[in-house]
């Protein structure tokens, strides 16, 4: 769905998808993913900004929730838009069936990017004879991983809902900064909403973004400088030798 300039101006800073909860009748107690600590008290997630970050330790559930959200909104499990479906498209289904979504305005356009299956998605495009016109005109598998990611971000992203699972995986720090510029351009136009699972303190520094931490029994909104990612990165860069001495010295040495 393309938004007119007037419509975009009137929706700056307002997300399309506003609320995610659980339908308790579809929850399967004692089975994964409902056994994840972050779902132990249910789910009640409100989004008020066009960029939302999911952060937390490996295994905390942020990617699992993002995959379920992708399934619920009609994206393929390997990534892509709503036209890209795969036979094994089961990931996210159990939790996806139990999600209840509330919208300010439903949108059809968008994209799901999963760093770990990006090669599968790019190979799928090759297999169906894509011209890659929507991705800059060059095969994604003939570019470096980082270049291919930026080709998608720069050429494919426009209007709609974008679900990104660890987009920093292929991006150098400089390319992460370039991606922040793309986020700013799209969200300033009021035409796009991003929900991003990330470990990158560079990405989560995006001004005005909402950050939800998965490190606990409930989802909690946290300030950027209170995230573990920011604090550990800051402390390491301030005194790397102190961290390395603690990690690398043989036990018992002083």
Foldseek 3Di string as FASTA:
>chain_A
DDDDLVRLQVQFFAAFWFWKWFQVVLDDPPDPPCPQLACVPTAIDGFRGQEEEEEEDPPLCLVQVLLLVCVLLQAASLKFFNVDHDPVRCRNPSRNVGMDIDGPHDDRDEMEHDLVNVVVVLVVCVVVPHCCVQQVRDRLVVDQVLVSLVSCLVRNDAADEYEYEASCPRPDLVSLVVSLVSVCVRSRSNGYGYYYYHLDLSNVVNPPYWYWYSPGSHIDTDDSCPDPSNVVVVVCVVPVPVVCCVVPDPPPDD
